[in-house]
PDB file of N, CA and C in Angstrom:
ATOM      1  N   UNK A   1      76.101  90.004 111.697  1.00  0.00           N
ATOM      2  CA  UNK A   1      75.676  92.142 112.247  1.00  0.00           C
ATOM      3  C   UNK A   1      77.255  92.452 112.485  1.00  0.00           C
ATOM      4  N   UNK A   2      78.303  92.147 114.014  1.00  0.00           N
ATOM      5  CA  UNK A   2      79.182  92.079 114.672  1.00  0.00           C
ATOM      6  C   UNK A   2      80.855  91.671 114.104  1.00  0.00           C
ATOM      7  N   UNK A   3      80.674  90.317 112.402  1.00  0.00           N
ATOM      8  CA  UNK A   3      81.421  89.977 111.864  1.00  0.00           C
ATOM      9  C   UNK A   3      81.361  91.134 110.629  1.00  0.00           C
ATOM     10  N   UNK A   4      79.992  91.968 110.474  1.00  0.00           N
ATOM     11  CA  UNK A   4      80.442  92.711 109.167  1.00  0.00           C
ATOM     12  C   UNK A   4      81.085  94.490 109.605  1.00  0.00           C
ATOM     13  N   UNK A   5      80.321  94.160 110.773  1.00  0.00           N
ATOM     14  CA  UNK A   5      81.107  95.517 111.428  1.00  0.00           C
ATOM     15  C   UNK A   5      82.887  95.920 111.794  1.00  0.00           C
ATOM     16  N   UNK A   6      83.213  95.066 111.944  1.00  0.00           N
ATOM     17  CA  UNK A   6      84.515  94.063 111.664  1.00  0.00           C
ATOM     18  C   UNK A   6      85.696  94.763 110.847  1.00  0.00           C
ATOM     19  N   UNK A   7      84.797  94.568 109.411  1.00  0.00           N
ATOM     20  CA  UNK A   7      85.619  94.187 108.680  1.00  0.00           C
ATOM     21  C   UNK A   7      85.284  95.544 108.041  1.00  0.00           C
ATOM     22  N   UNK A   8      83.903  96.202 108.161  1.00  0.00           N
ATOM     23  CA  UNK A   8      84.514  97.487 107.511  1.00  0.00           C
ATOM     24  C   UNK A   8      85.322  97.971 108.656  1.00  0.00           C
ATOM     25  N   UNK A   9      85.312  98.328 109.519  1.00  0.00           N
ATOM     26  CA  UNK A   9      86.380  99.144 109.713  1.00  0.00           C
ATOM     27  C   UNK A   9      88.239  99.004 110.138  1.00  0.00           C
ATOM     28  N   UNK A  10      88.263  97.319 109.743  1.00  0.00           N
ATOM     29  CA  UNK A  10      89.245  96.731 109.204  1.00  0.00           C
ATOM     30  C   UNK A  10      89.392  97.859 107.415  1.00  0.00           C
ATOM     31  N   UNK A  11      87.886  97.336 106.811  1.00  0.00           N
ATOM     32  CA  UNK A  11      88.952  97.913 105.556  1.00  0.00           C
ATOM     33  C   UNK A  11      88.665  99.230 106.021  1.00  0.00           C
ATOM     34  N   UNK A  12      87.948 100.614 105.782  1.00  0.00           N
ATOM     35  CA  UNK A  12      89.190 101.559 106.233  1.00  0.00           C
ATOM     36  C   UNK A  12      89.921 102.089 106.884  1.00  0.00           C
ATOM     37  N   UNK A  13      89.946 100.900 108.090  1.00  0.00           N
ATOM     38  CA  UNK A  13      92.117 101.402 108.868  1.00  0.00           C
ATOM     39  C   UNK A  13      92.877 101.684 107.107  1.00  0.00           C
ATOM     40  N   UNK A  14      92.770  99.434 106.795  1.00  0.00           N
ATOM     41  CA  UNK A  14      93.512  99.522 105.332  1.00  0.00           C
ATOM     42  C   UNK A  14      93.606 100.916 104.120  1.00  0.00           C
ATOM     43  N   UNK A  15      92.344 101.189 103.901  1.00  0.00           N
ATOM     44  CA  UNK A  15      92.311 102.366 103.265  1.00  0.00           C
ATOM     45  C   UNK A  15      92.982 103.718 103.885  1.00  0.00           C
ATOM     46  N   UNK A  16      92.715 104.333 105.106  1.00  0.00           N
ATOM     47  CA  UNK A  16      93.345 105.544 106.432  1.00  0.00           C
ATOM     48  C   UNK A  16      94.850 105.201 105.656  1.00  0.00           C
ATOM     49  N   UNK A  17      95.783 103.839 105.518  1.00  0.00           N
ATOM     50  CA  UNK A  17      96.770 104.010 105.699  1.00  0.00           C
ATOM     51  C   UNK A  17      97.722 103.434 104.587  1.00  0.00           C
ATOM     52  N   UNK A  18      96.997 104.209 103.136  1.00  0.00           N
ATOM     53  CA  UNK A  18      97.906 104.099 101.898  1.00  0.00           C
ATOM     54  C   UNK A  18      96.944 105.246 101.382  1.00  0.00           C
ATOM     55  N   UNK A  19      95.930 106.669 102.616  1.00  0.00           N
ATOM     56  CA  UNK A  19      95.181 107.763 102.413  1.00  0.00           C
ATOM     57  C   UNK A  19      96.826 109.183 101.717  1.00  0.00           C
ATOM     58  N   UNK A  20      96.908 109.994 100.914  1.00  0.00           N
ATOM     59  CA  UNK A  20      97.674 110.726 101.012  1.00  0.00           C
ATOM     60  C   UNK A  20      97.983 112.309 101.437  1.00  0.00           C
ATOM     61  N   UNK A  21      98.865 112.153 101.746  1.00  0.00           N
ATOM     62  CA  UNK A  21      99.518 112.860 102.871  1.00  0.00           C
ATOM     63  C   UNK A  21     100.010 114.187 102.616  1.00  0.00           C
ATOM     64  N   UNK A  22      99.380 115.461 102.079  1.00  0.00           N
ATOM     65  CA  UNK A  22     100.688 116.735 101.385  1.00  0.00           C
ATOM     66  C   UNK A  22     101.260 116.886 101.826  1.00  0.00           C
ATOM     67  N   UNK A  23     102.413 117.023 101.400  1.00  0.00           N
ATOM     68  CA  UNK A  23     102.937 118.377 102.386  1.00  0.00           C
ATOM     69  C   UNK A  23     103.052 119.572 102.445  1.00  0.00           C
ATOM     70  N   UNK A  24     102.722 120.381 102.599  1.00  0.00           N
ATOM     71  CA  UNK A  24     102.011 121.756 102.435  1.00  0.00           C
ATOM     72  C   UNK A  24     101.120 121.014 104.058  1.00  0.00           C
ATOM     73  N   UNK A  25     100.541 120.110 103.969  1.00  0.00           N
ATOM     74  CA  UNK A  25     100.152 120.269 105.084  1.00  0.00           C
ATOM     75  C   UNK A  25      99.523 119.177 105.510  1.00  0.00           C
ATOM     76  N   UNK A  26     100.032 117.522 105.897  1.00  0.00           N
ATOM     77  CA  UNK A  26     100.354 116.865 107.035  1.00  0.00           C
ATOM     78  C   UNK A  26     101.067 117.628 108.321  1.00  0.00           C
ATOM     79  N   UNK A  27     100.795 117.171 109.283  1.00  0.00           N
ATOM     80  CA  UNK A  27     101.336 117.138 110.139  1.00  0.00           C
ATOM     81  C   UNK A  27     103.142 116.473 110.613  1.00  0.00           C
ATOM     82  N   UNK A  28     103.571 116.519 111.558  1.00  0.00           N
ATOM     83  CA  UNK A  28     104.967 115.893 111.694  1.00  0.00           C
ATOM     84  C   UNK A  28     104.689 114.595 111.479  1.00  0.00           C
ATOM     85  N   UNK A  29     103.633 114.001 112.645  1.00  0.00           N
ATOM     86  CA  UNK A  29     103.397 112.668 112.722  1.00  0.00           C
ATOM     87  C   UNK A  29     102.743 111.727 111.163  1.00  0.00           C
ATOM     88  N   UNK A  30     102.851 112.164 110.365  1.00  0.00           N
ATOM     89  CA  UNK A  30     101.713 112.113 109.389  1.00  0.00           C
ATOM     90  C   UNK A  30     103.127 111.710 108.304  1.00  0.00           C
ATOM     91  N   UNK A  31     103.656 113.731 108.456  1.00  0.00           N
ATOM     92  CA  UNK A  31     105.193 112.619 106.935  1.00  0.00           C
ATOM     93  C   UNK A  31     106.030 112.353 107.488  1.00  0.00           C
ATOM     94  N   UNK A  32     106.010 111.352 108.849  1.00  0.00           N
ATOM     95  CA  UNK A  32     106.396 110.645 109.960  1.00  0.00           C
ATOM     96  C   UNK A  32     106.640 108.580 108.994  1.00  0.00           C
ATOM     97  N   UNK A  33     105.042 109.455 109.512  1.00  0.00           N
ATOM     98  CA  UNK A  33     104.652 107.982 108.769  1.00  0.00           C
ATOM     99  C   UNK A  33     104.956 107.788 107.509  1.00  0.00           C
ATOM    100  N   UNK A  34     105.289 108.518 105.816  1.00  0.00           N
ATOM    101  CA  UNK A  34     105.196 107.773 104.953  1.00  0.00           C
ATOM    102  C   UNK A  34     106.940 107.477 105.338  1.00  0.00           C
ATOM    103  N   UNK A  35     107.301 106.544 104.890  1.00  0.00           N
ATOM    104  CA  UNK A  35     108.419 105.257 104.226  1.00  0.00           C
ATOM    105  C   UNK A  35     109.869 106.018 103.835  1.00  0.00           C
ATOM    106  N   UNK A  36     110.953 106.054 104.517  1.00  0.00           N
ATOM    107  CA  UNK A  36     111.960 106.794 103.916  1.00  0.00           C
ATOM    108  C   UNK A  36     112.304 108.581 104.943  1.00  0.00           C
ATOM    109  N   UNK A  37     110.685 109.272 106.102  1.00  0.00           N
ATOM    110  CA  UNK A  37     110.750 110.475 105.482  1.00  0.00           C
ATOM    111  C   UNK A  37     110.898 110.371 107.701  1.00  0.00           C
ATOM    112  N   UNK A  38     111.965 110.027 108.348  1.00  0.00           N
ATOM    113  CA  UNK A  38     112.129 109.783 109.308  1.00  0.00           C
ATOM    114  C   UNK A  38     112.080 111.793 110.268  1.00  0.00           C
ATOM    115  N   UNK A  39     111.738 112.119 111.380  1.00  0.00           N
ATOM    116  CA  UNK A  39     111.839 112.917 112.356  1.00  0.00           C
ATOM    117  C   UNK A  39     112.816 114.333 112.150  1.00  0.00           C
ATOM    118  N   UNK A  40     114.234 113.564 111.632  1.00  0.00           N
ATOM    119  CA  UNK A  40     114.457 114.780 111.418  1.00  0.00           C
ATOM    120  C   UNK A  40     114.270 115.274 109.839  1.00  0.00           C
ATOM    121  N   UNK A  41     114.269 114.388 109.034  1.00  0.00           N
ATOM    122  CA  UNK A  41     113.290 115.054 107.998  1.00  0.00           C
ATOM    123  C   UNK A  41     112.506 116.075 107.856  1.00  0.00           C
ATOM    124  N   UNK A  42     111.709 115.539 108.187  1.00  0.00           N
ATOM    125  CA  UNK A  42     109.773 116.013 109.024  1.00  0.00           C
ATOM    126  C   UNK A  42     109.884 117.195 109.407  1.00  0.00           C
ATOM    127  N   UNK A  43     110.819 117.688 110.417  1.00  0.00           N
ATOM    128  CA  UNK A  43     111.450 119.318 110.948  1.00  0.00           C
ATOM    129  C   UNK A  43     111.519 119.703 109.929  1.00  0.00           C
ATOM    130  N   UNK A  44     112.600 119.493 109.312  1.00  0.00           N
ATOM    131  CA  UNK A  44     113.325 120.738 107.305  1.00  0.00           C
ATOM    132  C   UNK A  44     111.880 120.584 106.842  1.00  0.00           C
ATOM    133  N   UNK A  45     111.092 119.430 106.522  1.00  0.00           N
ATOM    134  CA  UNK A  45     110.051 120.115 105.576  1.00  0.00           C
ATOM    135  C   UNK A  45     108.890 121.169 106.516  1.00  0.00           C
ATOM    136  N   UNK A  46     108.802 121.136 107.980  1.00  0.00           N
ATOM    137  CA  UNK A  46     108.001 122.016 107.847  1.00  0.00           C
ATOM    138  C   UNK A  46     108.893 122.892 108.330  1.00  0.00           C
ATOM    139  N   UNK A  47     109.746 123.147 109.080  1.00  0.00           N
ATOM    140  CA  UNK A  47     110.239 124.644 108.948  1.00  0.00           C
ATOM    141  C   UNK A  47     110.884 125.204 107.331  1.00  0.00           C
ATOM    142  N   UNK A  48     110.948 124.642 106.327  1.00  0.00           N
ATOM    143  CA  UNK A  48     110.872 125.390 105.133  1.00  0.00           C
ATOM    144  C   UNK A  48     108.750 124.816 104.780  1.00  0.00           C
ATOM    145  N   UNK A  49     108.331 124.723 105.221  1.00  0.00           N
ATOM    146  CA  UNK A  49     106.717 125.624 104.152  1.00  0.00           C
ATOM    147  C   UNK A  49     106.342 126.231 105.552  1.00  0.00           C
ATOM    148  N   UNK A  50     106.321 126.606 106.945  1.00  0.00           N
ATOM    149  CA  UNK A  50     106.582 127.684 107.216  1.00  0.00           C
ATOM    150  C   UNK A  50     107.011 129.392 106.628  1.00  0.00           C
ATOM    151  N   UNK A  51     107.880 129.122 105.520  1.00  0.00           N
ATOM    152  CA  UNK A  51     108.373 130.029 105.381  1.00  0.00           C
ATOM    153  C   UNK A  51     107.137 130.935 103.967  1.00  0.00           C
ATOM    154  N   UNK A  52     107.645 129.217 102.822  1.00  0.00           N
ATOM    155  CA  UNK A  52     106.457 129.106 102.106  1.00  0.00           C
ATOM    156  C   UNK A  52     105.743 127.669 102.031  1.00  0.00           C
ATOM    157  N   UNK A  53     104.786 128.244 101.539  1.00  0.00           N
ATOM    158  CA  UNK A  53     104.003 126.823 101.036  1.00  0.00           C
ATOM    159  C   UNK A  53     105.017 125.965  99.298  1.00  0.00           C
ATOM    160  N   UNK A  54     104.843 124.626  99.393  1.00  0.00           N
ATOM    161  CA  UNK A  54     106.496 123.838  98.567  1.00  0.00           C
ATOM    162  C   UNK A  54     105.106 124.344  97.223  1.00  0.00           C
ATOM    163  N   UNK A  55     105.459 125.178  95.597  1.00  0.00           N
ATOM    164  CA  UNK A  55     104.650 125.105  95.545  1.00  0.00           C
ATOM    165  C   UNK A  55     104.468 124.051  93.624  1.00  0.00           C
ATOM    166  N   UNK A  56     105.421 123.510  94.065  1.00  0.00           N
ATOM    167  CA  UNK A  56     106.200 122.128  93.066  1.00  0.00           C
ATOM    168  C   UNK A  56     106.736 121.006  93.750  1.00  0.00           C
ATOM    169  N   UNK A  57     106.722 119.775  92.591  1.00  0.00           N
ATOM    170  CA  UNK A  57     107.445 118.172  93.355  1.00  0.00           C
ATOM    171  C   UNK A  57     108.918 119.487  93.063  1.00  0.00           C
ATOM    172  N   UNK A  58     109.140 120.127  92.712  1.00  0.00           N
ATOM    173  CA  UNK A  58     110.874 120.585  92.162  1.00  0.00           C
ATOM    174  C   UNK A  58     111.057 122.020  92.884  1.00  0.00           C
ATOM    175  N   UNK A  59     110.073 122.810  93.927  1.00  0.00           N
ATOM    176  CA  UNK A  59     110.086 123.466  94.831  1.00  0.00           C
ATOM    177  C   UNK A  59     111.064 123.207  96.193  1.00  0.00           C
ATOM    178  N   UNK A  60     110.268 121.828  96.355  1.00  0.00           N
ATOM    179  CA  UNK A  60     110.136 121.386  97.349  1.00  0.00           C
ATOM    180  C   UNK A  60     111.738 119.595  97.218  1.00  0.00           C
ATOM    181  N   UNK A  61     112.066 119.754  95.974  1.00  0.00           N
ATOM    182  CA  UNK A  61     113.746 119.368  95.928  1.00  0.00           C
ATOM    183  C   UNK A  61     114.428 120.144  96.172  1.00  0.00           C
ATOM    184  N   UNK A  62     113.993 121.213  95.232  1.00  0.00           N
ATOM    185  CA  UNK A  62     115.107 122.336  95.956  1.00  0.00           C
ATOM    186  C   UNK A  62     115.123 122.339  97.470  1.00  0.00           C
ATOM    187  N   UNK A  63     114.358 122.765  98.474  1.00  0.00           N
ATOM    188  CA  UNK A  63     114.359 123.552  99.851  1.00  0.00           C
ATOM    189  C   UNK A  63     114.483 122.538 100.916  1.00  0.00           C
ATOM    190  N   UNK A  64     114.140 120.816 100.194  1.00  0.00           N
ATOM    191  CA  UNK A  64     114.681 120.157 101.268  1.00  0.00           C
ATOM    192  C   UNK A  64     116.359 119.634 100.634  1.00  0.00           C
ATOM    193  N   UNK A  65     116.878 119.499 101.841  1.00  0.00           N
ATOM    194  CA  UNK A  65     118.286 118.804 101.137  1.00  0.00           C
ATOM    195  C   UNK A  65     118.502 117.003 101.146  1.00  0.00           C
ATOM    196  N   UNK A  66     118.661 117.437 100.209  1.00  0.00           N
ATOM    197  CA  UNK A  66     118.758 115.186  99.886  1.00  0.00           C
ATOM    198  C   UNK A  66     117.868 114.133  99.809  1.00  0.00           C
ATOM    199  N   UNK A  67     116.751 115.860  98.854  1.00  0.00           N
ATOM    200  CA  UNK A  67     116.099 115.123  98.838  1.00  0.00           C
ATOM    201  C   UNK A  67     115.853 114.914  96.927  1.00  0.00           C
ATOM    202  N   UNK A  68     115.928 114.195  96.173  1.00  0.00           N
ATOM    203  CA  UNK A  68     115.638 114.470  94.392  1.00  0.00           C
ATOM    204  C   UNK A  68     114.932 113.682  94.035  1.00  0.00           C
ATOM    205  N   UNK A  69     115.144 113.320  92.738  1.00  0.00           N
ATOM    206  CA  UNK A  69     113.899 113.093  92.274  1.00  0.00           C
ATOM    207  C   UNK A  69     113.944 110.659  92.074  1.00  0.00           C
ATOM    208  N   UNK A  70     114.435 110.136  93.111  1.00  0.00           N
ATOM    209  CA  UNK A  70     114.993 108.930  93.813  1.00  0.00           C
ATOM    210  C   UNK A  70     114.350 109.024  94.364  1.00  0.00           C
ATOM    211  N   UNK A  71     114.548 109.643  95.234  1.00  0.00           N
ATOM    212  CA  UNK A  71     113.821 109.542  96.557  1.00  0.00           C
ATOM    213  C   UNK A  71     112.099 110.134  95.821  1.00  0.00           C
ATOM    214  N   UNK A  72     112.396 111.715  95.540  1.00  0.00           N
ATOM    215  CA  UNK A  72     111.028 111.841  96.261  1.00  0.00           C
ATOM    216  C   UNK A  72     109.598 111.203  94.397  1.00  0.00           C
ATOM    217  N   UNK A  73     110.290 109.680  94.112  1.00  0.00           N
ATOM    218  CA  UNK A  73     109.575 108.739  93.511  1.00  0.00           C
ATOM    219  C   UNK A  73     109.003 108.191  94.394  1.00  0.00           C
ATOM    220  N   UNK A  74     109.598 107.608  95.863  1.00  0.00           N
ATOM    221  CA  UNK A  74     109.706 106.649  96.263  1.00  0.00           C
ATOM    222  C   UNK A  74     108.473 107.035  97.300  1.00  0.00           C
ATOM    223  N   UNK A  75     108.975 108.718  97.816  1.00  0.00           N
ATOM    224  CA  UNK A  75     107.521 109.473  99.088  1.00  0.00           C
ATOM    225  C   UNK A  75     106.693 109.405  97.779  1.00  0.00           C
ATOM    226  N   UNK A  76     106.530 109.819  96.346  1.00  0.00           N
ATOM    227  CA  UNK A  76     104.969 110.130  96.445  1.00  0.00           C
ATOM    228  C   UNK A  76     104.463 108.775  95.680  1.00  0.00           C
ATOM    229  N   UNK A  77     104.766 107.783  95.706  1.00  0.00           N
ATOM    230  CA  UNK A  77     104.950 106.340  95.447  1.00  0.00           C
ATOM    231  C   UNK A  77     104.243 105.463  97.577  1.00  0.00           C
ATOM    232  N   UNK A  78     104.666 106.260  98.195  1.00  0.00           N
ATOM    233  CA  UNK A  78     104.649 106.154  99.671  1.00  0.00           C
ATOM    234  C   UNK A  78     103.073 106.504  99.823  1.00  0.00           C
ATOM    235  N   UNK A  79     102.698 107.750  98.867  1.00  0.00           N
ATOM    236  CA  UNK A  79     101.317 108.728  99.365  1.00  0.00           C
ATOM    237  C   UNK A  79     101.909 110.076  98.927  1.00  0.00           C
ATOM    238  N   UNK A  80     102.920 110.392  99.561  1.00  0.00           N
ATOM    239  CA  UNK A  80     103.739 112.374  99.683  1.00  0.00           C
ATOM    240  C   UNK A  80     102.751 112.917  98.452  1.00  0.00           C
ATOM    241  N   UNK A  81     102.448 113.597  98.525  1.00  0.00           N
ATOM    242  CA  UNK A  81     102.319 114.572  97.794  1.00  0.00           C
ATOM    243  C   UNK A  81     102.707 116.271  97.734  1.00  0.00           C
ATOM    244  N   UNK A  82     102.747 117.041  96.506  1.00  0.00           N
ATOM    245  CA  UNK A  82     103.093 118.425  97.031  1.00  0.00           C
ATOM    246  C   UNK A  82     101.891 119.221  96.477  1.00  0.00           C
ATOM    247  N   UNK A  83     101.018 119.755  96.719  1.00  0.00           N
ATOM    248  CA  UNK A  83      99.933 121.180  96.370  1.00  0.00           C
ATOM    249  C   UNK A  83      98.816 119.660  95.777  1.00  0.00           C
ATOM    250  N   UNK A  84      98.662 118.527  96.120  1.00  0.00           N
ATOM    251  CA  UNK A  84      97.604 117.599  96.152  1.00  0.00           C
ATOM    252  C   UNK A  84      98.875 116.866  94.583  1.00  0.00           C
ATOM    253  N   UNK A  85      99.517 116.397  94.194  1.00  0.00           N
ATOM    254  CA  UNK A  85      99.579 116.479  92.919  1.00  0.00           C
ATOM    255  C   UNK A  85     101.321 115.012  93.036  1.00  0.00           C
ATOM    256  N   UNK A  86     100.485 114.307  92.470  1.00  0.00           N
ATOM    257  CA  UNK A  86     101.870 113.246  92.704  1.00  0.00           C
ATOM    258  C   UNK A  86     103.480 113.486  91.986  1.00  0.00           C
ATOM    259  N   UNK A  87     104.227 112.690  92.170  1.00  0.00           N
ATOM    260  CA  UNK A  87     105.375 112.939  91.109  1.00  0.00           C
ATOM    261  C   UNK A  87     105.521 112.966  90.470  1.00  0.00           C
ATOM    262  N   UNK A  88     105.480 113.705  88.748  1.00  0.00           N
ATOM    263  CA  UNK A  88     105.799 113.184  87.628  1.00  0.00           C
ATOM    264  C   UNK A  88     107.242 112.671  86.418  1.00  0.00           C
ATOM    265  N   UNK A  89     108.158 113.475  88.120  1.00  0.00           N
ATOM    266  CA  UNK A  89     109.121 113.644  86.964  1.00  0.00           C
ATOM    267  C   UNK A  89     110.055 111.688  86.794  1.00  0.00           C
ATOM    268  N   UNK A  90     110.642 111.541  86.215  1.00  0.00           N
ATOM    269  CA  UNK A  90     111.719 110.231  85.311  1.00  0.00           C
ATOM    270  C   UNK A  90     112.698 110.577  86.178  1.00  0.00           C
ATOM    271  N   UNK A  91     112.501 108.806  86.631  1.00  0.00           N
ATOM    272  CA  UNK A  91     114.128 108.794  87.084  1.00  0.00           C
ATOM    273  C   UNK A  91     114.644 108.672  86.872  1.00  0.00           C
ATOM    274  N   UNK A  92     116.468 109.415  87.251  1.00  0.00           N
ATOM    275  CA  UNK A  92     117.509 108.785  87.148  1.00  0.00           C
ATOM    276  C   UNK A  92     117.693 107.818  85.612  1.00  0.00           C
ATOM    277  N   UNK A  93     118.493 107.821  84.765  1.00  0.00           N
ATOM    278  CA  UNK A  93     119.064 106.905  84.469  1.00  0.00           C
ATOM    279  C   UNK A  93     119.902 105.716  85.311  1.00  0.00           C
ATOM    280  N   UNK A  94     120.172 105.026  84.609  1.00  0.00           N
ATOM    281  CA  UNK A  94     121.172 103.130  85.564  1.00  0.00           C
ATOM    282  C   UNK A  94     122.139 103.639  84.852  1.00  0.00           C
ATOM    283  N   UNK A  95     122.872 103.531  85.834  1.00  0.00           N
ATOM    284  CA  UNK A  95     124.584 103.390  85.566  1.00  0.00           C
ATOM    285  C   UNK A  95     124.648 102.634  84.544  1.00  0.00           C
ATOM    286  N   UNK A  96     124.876 102.583  83.233  1.00  0.00           N
ATOM    287  CA  UNK A  96     125.291 101.292  82.083  1.00  0.00           C
ATOM    288  C   UNK A  96     127.190 100.918  82.465  1.00  0.00           C
ATOM    289  N   UNK A  97     128.178 100.079  81.586  1.00  0.00           N
ATOM    290  CA  UNK A  97     129.196  99.768  82.373  1.00  0.00           C
ATOM    291  C   UNK A  97     129.296 100.183  80.976  1.00  0.00           C
ATOM    292  N   UNK A  98     131.203 100.424  81.557  1.00  0.00           N
ATOM    293  CA  UNK A  98     131.815 100.282  80.419  1.00  0.00           C
ATOM    294  C   UNK A  98     132.129  99.872  79.453  1.00  0.00           C
ATOM    295  N   UNK A  99     132.726 100.219  78.347  1.00  0.00           N
ATOM    296  CA  UNK A  99     132.585  99.638  77.015  1.00  0.00           C
ATOM    297  C   UNK A  99     133.335  97.667  77.760  1.00  0.00           C
ATOM    298  N   UNK A 100     134.804  98.478  78.137  1.00  0.00           N
ATOM    299  CA  UNK A 100     135.433  97.200  78.429  1.00  0.00           C
ATOM    300  C   UNK A 100     135.174  96.799  80.195  1.00  0.00           C
ATOM    301  N   UNK A 101     133.994  97.585  81.038  1.00  0.00           N
ATOM    302  CA  UNK A 101     133.833  97.050  82.378  1.00  0.00           C
ATOM    303  C   UNK A 101     133.085  95.076  81.515  1.00  0.00           C
ATOM    304  N   UNK A 102     131.937  95.792  80.330  1.00  0.00           N
ATOM    305  CA  UNK A 102     131.380  94.857  79.503  1.00  0.00           C
ATOM    306  C   UNK A 102     132.030  93.903  79.204  1.00  0.00           C
ATOM    307  N   UNK A 103     133.719  94.357  78.512  1.00  0.00           N
ATOM    308  CA  UNK A 103     134.105  93.122  78.537  1.00  0.00           C
ATOM    309  C   UNK A 103     134.550  92.146  79.167  1.00  0.00           C
ATOM    310  N   UNK A 104     135.089  92.859  80.058  1.00  0.00           N
ATOM    311  CA  UNK A 104     135.995  91.823  81.393  1.00  0.00           C
ATOM    312  C   UNK A 104     135.259  91.109  82.151  1.00  0.00           C
ATOM    313  N   UNK A 105     133.230  91.378  81.858  1.00  0.00           N
ATOM    314  CA  UNK A 105     132.440  90.653  81.894  1.00  0.00           C
ATOM    315  C   UNK A 105     132.178  89.210  81.849  1.00  0.00           C
ATOM    316  N   UNK A 106     132.055  89.359  80.230  1.00  0.00           N
ATOM    317  CA  UNK A 106     132.495  88.892  78.795  1.00  0.00           C
ATOM    318  C   UNK A 106     133.061  87.756  78.996  1.00  0.00           C
ATOM    319  N   UNK A 107     134.458  88.263  78.974  1.00  0.00           N
ATOM    320  CA  UNK A 107     135.346  86.986  78.254  1.00  0.00           C
ATOM    321  C   UNK A 107     136.078  85.874  80.168  1.00  0.00           C
ATOM    322  N   UNK A 108     135.307  86.737  82.085  1.00  0.00           N
ATOM    323  CA  UNK A 108     135.091  85.614  82.727  1.00  0.00           C
ATOM    324  C   UNK A 108     134.711  84.144  82.455  1.00  0.00           C
ATOM    325  N   UNK A 109     134.931  83.505  83.148  1.00  0.00           N
ATOM    326  CA  UNK A 109     133.794  82.192  82.121  1.00  0.00           C
ATOM    327  C   UNK A 109     134.057  80.978  83.750  1.00  0.00           C
ATOM    328  N   UNK A 110     132.445  81.005  83.901  1.00  0.00           N
ATOM    329  CA  UNK A 110     132.131  80.120  84.214  1.00  0.00           C
ATOM    330  C   UNK A 110     133.128  78.910  85.302  1.00  0.00           C
ATOM    331  N   UNK A 111     132.743  79.386  86.354  1.00  0.00           N
ATOM    332  CA  UNK A 111     133.268  78.085  87.778  1.00  0.00           C
ATOM    333  C   UNK A 111     133.238  77.290  87.077  1.00  0.00           C
ATOM    334  N   UNK A 112     132.734  76.016  86.672  1.00  0.00           N
ATOM    335  CA  UNK A 112     132.158  75.117  86.532  1.00  0.00           C
ATOM    336  C   UNK A 112     133.139  75.104  84.915  1.00  0.00           C
ATOM    337  N   UNK A 113     133.303  75.867  84.257  1.00  0.00           N
ATOM    338  CA  UNK A 113     134.029  75.812  83.082  1.00  0.00           C
ATOM    339  C   UNK A 113     135.633  75.966  83.440  1.00  0.00           C
ATOM    340  N   UNK A 114     135.983  76.096  84.335  1.00  0.00           N
ATOM    341  CA  UNK A 114     136.867  76.892  84.979  1.00  0.00           C
ATOM    342  C   UNK A 114     137.952  75.246  85.137  1.00  0.00           C
ATOM    343  N   UNK A 115     136.635  73.604  85.663  1.00  0.00           N
ATOM    344  CA  UNK A 115     137.245  72.716  86.662  1.00  0.00           C
ATOM    345  C   UNK A 115     137.281  72.344  85.350  1.00  0.00           C
ATOM    346  N   UNK A 116     137.645  71.486  84.012  1.00  0.00           N
ATOM    347  CA  UNK A 116     137.908  70.980  83.081  1.00  0.00           C
ATOM    348  C   UNK A 116     138.901  70.287  82.332  1.00  0.00           C
TER     349      UNK A 116
END
């Protein structure tokens, strides 16, 4: 019986660790618990939401300096929500190599071929 109780409590604590934190309702400590959000950012978030609640992820990214699509996607994956919604935006496209850089990579011989 005691082992079952411990297992239940352990499972409950794991679930609580992954619980969503809404940017409009979370405390400073809860916001700090999101990987990538530190004390300075959580203070900015709280100061901005005291002016007015965040209406959407776009509103959140506009009002909190330094948060763009890439960080918003990471925060959402860590459990941050805005008005209960996860970030649904798209990640910025990866930077493609220019044709000159691609050609340079293709013409570089492997080190083993240079020894022959």
